[in-house]
Amino acid sequence: MSEALYLRDLWYATGLARDFAPGQMRRHMLLGEPVVVGRMKDGSWFALRDICPHRGVPLSAGKMKDGTVECPYHGWRFRADGVCAAIPSLAPGQDLDPEKIRVRNYPVREQDGLIWIYVAQNPGAPPATSPPKVALDNAKPRWTETQRFLCDIDHAVIGLMDPAHGPYVHAHWWWKKAPRLKEKHYAPLPTGFVMSKHKPSKPVYGVLGDVTTEITFELPSTRFETIEGKLLGKAFKVIGLTVCTPRDADNTDIIQVFYWPAWLFFILPFFWALGRTFIADDRKIVELQRQGLEFNPSLMLIQDSDMPAIWYHRIKKAWAESAEKGAPFVNPVQERVLRWRS
């Protein structure tokens, strides 16, 4: 596995906030590393490297006690900042300061119903940015789906952004369409690119009337689709957020969340009927792809339909090089119109 597979100094979504009750913690793999994520009884969040520095036992196997995480092996306790707060086996007069011992802690934020963890290149460095934010007042998750893809982060991201696979991967009897010519305008973003606002061609959007859609992608794997329109004389936004969370080199979680105003409650059945199926289609194709990748074949990307994938690789490379050299990041994407059939 190449070190460039994972990018640092970025926020990664690791799960849904609603899955954690106060006083609960869970072990997550993130970028190939074990992380214990939890919510204190006061509602505050923490994320620590899930390895006790004493004897290597996962801290997540322990319990939370008085605002700390207690290791199940010898009761060593760690605060949310990673500093050791207590070593029960120490006898009076023994010269060891627990506060000089620590585990790595990660900045963690709850944003729009998701839990985001900042993975810094240099442990302890503060976040340079804030987690991605949904552009909707009082954004509340209305529909969510998480599925595990048996592939690395790159194949997950490229598979989901691929504009030409629809007629084949999603070829259900109730959805199948003959490929036709598409033209979309793209422009750079601070750490990605945008498919500019346009009228969607898929019939399912007709449920919302006359709408436009805009799709953005930014590192490490954050995709927003913003659907705007007017229904019953009332303007609205429906926003889909999709993230690819790399657990390790062979496993990536796809977390998809949709947000809309409460008065659009009647669209929920469409997501229950279609959303899970469409993500499963993409999951099944990367599992099929895995059979070929086992033989380490040479792969190719073509113009124009694979241009989003080409941009993704170029942006990743530019970000990694900027971090290595300590130089400002320069987005290599240039504005252009892409044409393909799908």
Protein backbone atom coordinates (compact mmCIF):
# COMPACT_ATOMS: atom_id res chain seq x y z
CA MET A 1 0.00 0.00 0.00
CA SER A 2 1.36 3.40 -0.98
CA GLU A 3 1.59 6.02 1.75
CA ALA A 4 -0.06 8.42 -0.72
CA LEU A 5 -3.23 6.34 -0.45
CA TYR A 6 -4.26 8.39 2.59
CA LEU A 7 -4.15 12.16 2.81
CA ARG A 8 -3.60 14.03 6.07
CA ASP A 9 -4.53 17.49 7.37
CA LEU A 10 -8.15 16.78 6.39
CA TRP A 11 -11.46 15.89 8.04
CA TYR A 12 -12.89 12.37 7.71
CA ALA A 13 -16.46 11.40 8.62
CA THR A 14 -16.41 8.29 10.77
CA GLY A 15 -20.10 7.74 11.52
CA LEU A 16 -23.46 9.13 12.57
CA ALA A 17 -23.80 11.06 15.82
CA ARG A 18 -27.13 9.41 16.60
CA ASP A 19 -25.36 6.04 16.95
CA PHE A 20 -23.67 7.23 20.16
CA ALA A 21 -25.53 7.63 23.43
CA PRO A 22 -23.89 9.73 26.18
CA GLY A 23 -21.32 7.56 27.94
CA GLN A 24 -20.83 5.28 24.92
CA MET A 25 -17.66 4.66 22.89
CA ARG A 26 -16.75 2.50 19.92
CA ARG A 27 -13.67 1.29 18.11
CA HIS A 28 -13.30 2.53 14.54
CA MET A 29 -10.61 1.88 12.00
CA LEU A 30 -9.59 5.07 10.21
CA LEU A 31 -6.81 5.33 7.63
CA GLY A 32 -5.55 1.94 8.79
CA GLU A 33 -5.30 3.03 12.45
CA PRO A 34 -7.51 2.02 15.42
CA VAL A 35 -9.40 4.95 16.94
CA VAL A 36 -11.79 4.89 19.88
CA VAL A 37 -14.56 7.42 19.38
CA GLY A 38 -16.96 8.30 22.16
CA ARG A 39 -19.39 10.74 23.70
CA MET A 40 -18.86 11.73 27.33
CA LYS A 41 -21.87 11.82 29.63
CA ASP A 42 -21.91 15.61 29.29
CA GLY A 43 -22.32 15.21 25.51
CA SER A 44 -18.76 16.20 24.53
CA TRP A 45 -16.84 14.08 22.02
CA PHE A 46 -13.41 12.50 22.08
CA ALA A 47 -11.28 10.42 19.71
CA LEU A 48 -8.12 8.62 20.88
CA ARG A 49 -5.72 6.12 19.38
CA ASP A 50 -7.26 2.84 20.51
CA ILE A 51 -4.09 1.35 21.99
CA CYS A 52 -3.09 1.69 25.64
CA PRO A 53 0.59 2.76 25.75
CA HIS A 54 1.17 0.45 28.73
CA ARG A 55 0.54 -3.04 27.30
CA GLY A 56 -1.23 -2.42 24.00
CA VAL A 57 -4.78 -3.35 24.97
CA PRO A 58 -7.59 -1.53 23.08
CA LEU A 59 -8.98 1.25 25.26
CA SER A 60 -12.37 0.71 23.65
CA ALA A 61 -12.60 -2.60 25.52
CA GLY A 62 -12.62 -0.67 28.78
CA LYS A 63 -15.15 1.76 30.19
CA MET A 64 -15.71 5.44 30.73
CA LYS A 65 -15.18 6.66 34.28
CA ASP A 66 -15.36 10.20 35.65
CA GLY A 67 -14.74 11.82 32.28
CA THR A 68 -11.91 9.45 31.33
CA VAL A 69 -11.42 6.21 29.39
CA GLU A 70 -10.25 3.36 31.60
CA CYS A 71 -8.10 0.58 30.17
CA PRO A 72 -9.51 -2.88 31.05
CA TYR A 73 -6.05 -4.39 31.73
CA HIS A 74 -4.61 -2.30 34.58
CA GLY A 75 -7.08 0.55 34.95
CA TRP A 76 -4.92 3.27 33.45
CA ARG A 77 -7.20 6.21 32.69
CA PHE A 78 -6.93 8.75 29.88
CA ARG A 79 -8.64 12.10 29.45
CA ALA A 80 -10.16 13.32 26.17
CA ASP A 81 -6.91 15.18 25.41
CA GLY A 82 -5.01 11.86 25.57
CA VAL A 83 -3.17 12.64 28.80
CA CYS A 84 -2.99 9.86 31.40
CA ALA A 85 -5.01 10.89 34.45
CA ALA A 86 -4.33 7.91 36.74
CA ILE A 87 -2.23 4.76 37.16
CA PRO A 88 -3.87 2.78 40.00
CA SER A 89 -0.88 0.47 40.60
CA LEU A 90 1.43 3.32 41.67
CA ALA A 91 2.35 3.22 45.33
CA PRO A 92 2.93 6.37 47.42
CA GLY A 93 6.31 7.95 46.76
CA GLN A 94 6.96 6.23 43.43
CA ASP A 95 8.47 8.72 41.02
CA LEU A 96 6.26 8.51 37.94
CA ASP A 97 4.08 11.36 36.76
CA PRO A 98 1.08 9.91 34.87
CA GLU A 99 0.55 13.22 33.06
CA LYS A 100 3.80 12.70 31.15
CA ILE A 101 2.18 9.69 29.46
CA ARG A 102 -0.33 10.13 26.69
CA VAL A 103 -2.04 8.54 23.72
CA ARG A 104 -2.71 10.38 20.50
CA ASN A 105 -5.93 12.34 20.51
CA TYR A 106 -7.72 13.57 17.40
CA PRO A 107 -9.79 16.72 16.97
CA VAL A 108 -13.40 15.60 16.66
CA ARG A 109 -16.54 17.58 15.78
CA GLU A 110 -20.22 16.87 15.41
CA GLN A 111 -21.52 18.58 12.28
CA ASP A 112 -24.96 18.13 10.68
CA GLY A 113 -25.47 14.75 12.32
CA LEU A 114 -22.06 13.31 11.37
CA ILE A 115 -18.95 12.77 13.47
CA TRP A 116 -15.83 14.20 11.81
CA ILE A 117 -12.24 13.42 12.83
CA TYR A 118 -9.29 15.55 11.77
CA VAL A 119 -6.19 13.53 10.91
CA ALA A 120 -3.14 15.80 11.04
CA GLN A 121 0.14 15.12 9.29
CA ASN A 122 1.89 16.05 12.55
CA PRO A 123 0.04 14.60 15.57
CA GLY A 124 -1.17 17.36 17.85
CA ALA A 125 -1.37 20.00 15.13
CA PRO A 126 -4.66 21.95 15.31
CA PRO A 127 -7.15 21.73 12.44
CA ALA A 128 -6.44 24.14 9.61
CA THR A 129 -10.10 24.05 8.49
CA SER A 130 -13.58 23.19 9.76
CA PRO A 131 -15.56 20.06 8.82
CA PRO A 132 -17.73 20.28 5.68
CA LYS A 133 -21.05 21.98 6.40
CA VAL A 134 -24.43 21.40 4.82
CA ALA A 135 -25.78 24.61 3.26
CA LEU A 136 -29.21 24.29 4.83
CA ASP A 137 -30.57 25.99 7.95
CA ASN A 138 -30.98 23.59 10.88
CA ALA A 139 -29.76 20.71 8.73
CA LYS A 140 -31.09 17.42 10.06
CA PRO A 141 -30.45 13.99 8.52
CA ARG A 142 -33.69 12.76 6.97
CA TRP A 143 -32.35 9.59 5.33
CA THR A 144 -29.04 7.79 5.84
CA GLU A 145 -27.34 4.69 4.51
CA THR A 146 -23.91 3.22 5.24
CA GLN A 147 -22.41 0.31 3.30
CA ARG A 148 -18.96 -1.30 3.42
CA PHE A 149 -17.14 -1.44 0.07
CA LEU A 150 -14.39 -4.09 -0.17
CA CYS A 151 -11.91 -1.80 -1.89
CA ASP A 152 -9.47 1.00 -1.17
CA ILE A 153 -10.44 4.65 -0.94
CA ASP A 154 -9.42 5.46 -4.52
CA HIS A 155 -11.59 2.82 -6.19
CA ALA A 156 -14.54 3.79 -3.96
CA VAL A 157 -14.25 7.48 -4.80
CA ILE A 158 -13.70 6.97 -8.53
CA GLY A 159 -16.54 4.46 -8.77
CA LEU A 160 -19.04 6.83 -7.19
CA MET A 161 -18.01 9.89 -9.24
CA ASP A 162 -17.90 7.99 -12.55
CA PRO A 163 -20.47 9.66 -14.85
CA ALA A 164 -20.65 6.88 -17.46
CA HIS A 165 -21.49 3.73 -15.49
CA GLY A 166 -25.18 4.43 -14.84
CA PRO A 167 -26.79 2.55 -17.77
CA TYR A 168 -24.83 -0.59 -16.90
CA VAL A 169 -24.30 -0.72 -13.14
CA HIS A 170 -27.80 0.59 -12.38
CA ALA A 171 -29.55 -1.26 -15.21
CA HIS A 172 -32.75 -2.24 -13.38
CA TRP A 173 -35.88 -2.91 -15.42
CA TRP A 174 -37.53 0.11 -13.81
CA TRP A 175 -34.53 2.38 -14.40
CA LYS A 176 -32.65 1.28 -17.52
CA LYS A 177 -31.99 3.99 -20.11
CA ALA A 178 -30.13 3.99 -23.41
CA PRO A 179 -26.90 6.05 -23.25
CA ARG A 180 -27.17 9.53 -24.70
CA LEU A 181 -24.85 12.49 -25.11
CA LYS A 182 -24.19 14.61 -21.99
CA GLU A 183 -22.36 17.93 -21.73
CA LYS A 184 -21.54 19.39 -18.31
CA HIS A 185 -19.56 22.42 -17.23
CA TYR A 186 -16.91 21.90 -14.55
CA ALA A 187 -14.88 24.41 -12.55
CA PRO A 188 -12.27 24.19 -9.77
CA LEU A 189 -13.03 24.51 -6.05
CA PRO A 190 -10.52 25.12 -3.22
CA THR A 191 -9.71 21.39 -2.91
CA GLY A 192 -11.78 19.83 -5.68
CA PHE A 193 -14.20 20.67 -8.46
CA VAL A 194 -17.86 21.34 -9.20
CA MET A 195 -20.25 20.17 -11.88
CA SER A 196 -22.04 23.48 -12.32
CA LYS A 197 -25.75 23.95 -11.72
CA HIS A 198 -27.85 22.34 -14.46
CA LYS A 199 -31.21 20.73 -15.12
CA PRO A 200 -30.95 16.99 -14.36
CA SER A 201 -31.93 14.45 -17.00
CA LYS A 202 -32.96 11.62 -14.66
CA PRO A 203 -36.78 11.25 -14.43
CA VAL A 204 -36.70 10.65 -10.66
CA TYR A 205 -35.94 14.35 -10.11
CA GLY A 206 -39.39 15.07 -11.55
CA VAL A 207 -40.87 14.16 -8.16
CA LEU A 208 -39.64 17.57 -7.01
CA GLY A 209 -40.90 19.46 -10.05
CA ASP A 210 -38.72 21.82 -12.08
CA VAL A 211 -35.33 21.66 -10.35
CA THR A 212 -31.63 22.26 -10.86
CA THR A 213 -28.75 20.29 -9.38
CA GLU A 214 -25.12 21.06 -8.60
CA ILE A 215 -22.54 18.44 -7.63
CA THR A 216 -19.29 19.22 -5.83
CA PHE A 217 -16.32 17.09 -4.82
CA GLU A 218 -13.55 18.07 -2.42
CA LEU A 219 -10.76 16.20 -0.67
CA PRO A 220 -10.50 13.75 0.87
CA SER A 221 -13.82 12.29 -0.38
CA THR A 222 -16.68 14.71 0.24
CA ARG A 223 -19.43 14.92 -2.38
CA PHE A 224 -22.39 17.27 -2.12
CA GLU A 225 -25.37 17.27 -4.45
CA THR A 226 -27.57 20.33 -4.02
CA ILE A 227 -31.03 20.13 -5.61
CA GLU A 228 -32.94 23.40 -5.74
CA GLY A 229 -36.43 24.17 -6.95
CA LYS A 230 -39.86 25.46 -6.10
CA LEU A 231 -42.82 23.32 -5.11
CA LEU A 232 -46.29 24.58 -4.29
CA GLY A 233 -44.86 28.08 -4.64
CA LYS A 234 -42.25 27.43 -1.98
CA ALA A 235 -38.48 27.41 -2.64
CA PHE A 236 -36.54 24.45 -1.26
CA LYS A 237 -33.20 22.66 -1.18
CA VAL A 238 -32.54 18.95 -0.94
CA ILE A 239 -28.88 18.22 -0.19
CA GLY A 240 -27.16 14.86 -0.46
CA LEU A 241 -23.83 14.35 1.31
CA THR A 242 -21.75 11.31 0.40
CA VAL A 243 -18.38 10.51 1.98
CA CYS A 244 -15.97 7.63 1.46
CA THR A 245 -14.32 6.77 4.77
CA PRO A 246 -11.16 4.66 4.44
CA ARG A 247 -11.07 2.05 7.20
CA ASP A 248 -7.97 0.32 5.84
CA ALA A 249 -6.39 -0.56 2.48
CA ASP A 250 -9.17 -3.03 1.63
CA ASN A 251 -12.26 -1.58 3.27
CA THR A 252 -14.03 1.73 2.71
CA ASP A 253 -17.36 2.81 4.20
CA ILE A 254 -19.75 4.78 2.03
CA ILE A 255 -21.85 7.06 4.22
CA GLN A 256 -24.71 8.86 2.49
CA VAL A 257 -26.99 11.38 4.18
CA PHE A 258 -29.81 13.44 2.68
CA TYR A 259 -31.19 16.63 4.18
CA TRP A 260 -34.38 18.50 3.33
CA PRO A 261 -36.87 20.80 5.08
CA ALA A 262 -39.45 19.05 7.24
CA TRP A 263 -42.38 20.00 4.99
CA LEU A 264 -40.93 17.78 2.21
CA PHE A 265 -41.58 14.68 4.34
CA PHE A 266 -43.45 12.95 1.50
CA ILE A 267 -40.24 12.33 -0.50
CA LEU A 268 -38.84 9.93 2.13
CA PRO A 269 -40.41 6.78 0.56
CA PHE A 270 -38.48 7.41 -2.67
CA PHE A 271 -35.19 7.27 -0.75
CA TRP A 272 -36.25 4.11 1.08
CA ALA A 273 -37.18 2.51 -2.24
CA LEU A 274 -34.17 3.59 -4.33
CA GLY A 275 -31.30 4.83 -2.18
CA ARG A 276 -30.10 1.59 -0.63
CA THR A 277 -30.39 -0.23 -3.97
CA PHE A 278 -28.27 2.29 -5.86
CA ILE A 279 -25.45 2.22 -3.31
CA ALA A 280 -25.60 -1.59 -3.31
CA ASP A 281 -25.21 -1.56 -7.11
CA ASP A 282 -21.97 0.39 -6.75
CA ARG A 283 -20.80 -1.89 -3.93
CA LYS A 284 -21.38 -5.01 -6.00
CA ILE A 285 -19.45 -3.67 -8.99
CA VAL A 286 -16.35 -2.86 -6.93
CA GLU A 287 -16.53 -6.36 -5.45
CA LEU A 288 -16.58 -7.70 -9.01
CA GLN A 289 -13.73 -5.38 -9.93
CA ARG A 290 -11.73 -6.83 -7.06
CA GLN A 291 -11.55 -10.17 -8.87
CA GLY A 292 -9.58 -8.52 -11.65
CA LEU A 293 -7.47 -6.29 -9.43
CA GLU A 294 -6.07 -9.36 -7.66
CA PHE A 295 -3.86 -9.83 -10.73
CA ASN A 296 -2.50 -6.25 -10.53
CA PRO A 297 -3.47 -5.32 -14.12
CA SER A 298 -2.54 -2.09 -15.85
CA LEU A 299 -5.57 0.21 -15.86
CA MET A 300 -6.48 3.15 -18.08
CA LEU A 301 -8.49 6.37 -17.89
CA ILE A 302 -9.93 8.04 -20.98
CA GLN A 303 -11.18 11.48 -22.04
CA ASP A 304 -13.79 12.89 -21.24
CA SER A 305 -15.81 10.46 -19.16
CA ASP A 306 -12.89 9.62 -16.87
CA MET A 307 -11.80 13.23 -16.40
CA PRO A 308 -13.26 13.47 -12.86
CA ALA A 309 -11.12 10.43 -11.92
CA ILE A 310 -8.05 12.00 -13.55
CA TRP A 311 -8.67 15.22 -11.64
CA TYR A 312 -9.06 13.28 -8.41
CA HIS A 313 -5.65 11.65 -8.81
CA ARG A 314 -4.04 14.97 -9.75
CA ILE A 315 -5.58 16.78 -6.78
CA LYS A 316 -4.45 14.03 -4.39
CA LYS A 317 -0.93 14.19 -5.74
CA ALA A 318 -0.82 17.98 -5.50
CA TRP A 319 -2.11 17.88 -1.91
CA ALA A 320 0.43 15.24 -0.84
CA GLU A 321 3.29 17.15 -2.48
CA SER A 322 2.25 20.44 -0.87
CA ALA A 323 2.24 18.76 2.56
CA GLU A 324 5.63 17.15 1.95
CA LYS A 325 7.24 20.41 0.80
CA GLY A 326 5.38 22.71 3.16
CA ALA A 327 4.21 24.72 0.15
CA PRO A 328 0.70 26.13 -0.57
CA PHE A 329 -1.68 23.76 -2.28
CA VAL A 330 -2.45 24.65 -5.91
CA ASN A 331 -5.49 23.00 -7.46
CA PRO A 332 -4.54 21.53 -10.88
CA VAL A 333 -8.16 21.47 -12.12
CA GLN A 334 -9.02 23.92 -14.90
CA GLU A 335 -12.47 25.03 -16.00
CA ARG A 336 -13.84 23.11 -18.96
CA VAL A 337 -16.86 21.36 -20.50
CA LEU A 338 -16.85 17.57 -20.53
CA ARG A 339 -18.77 15.46 -23.06
CA TRP A 340 -19.65 11.79 -22.76
CA ARG A 341 -22.43 9.32 -23.43
CA SER A 342 -24.36 7.76 -20.56
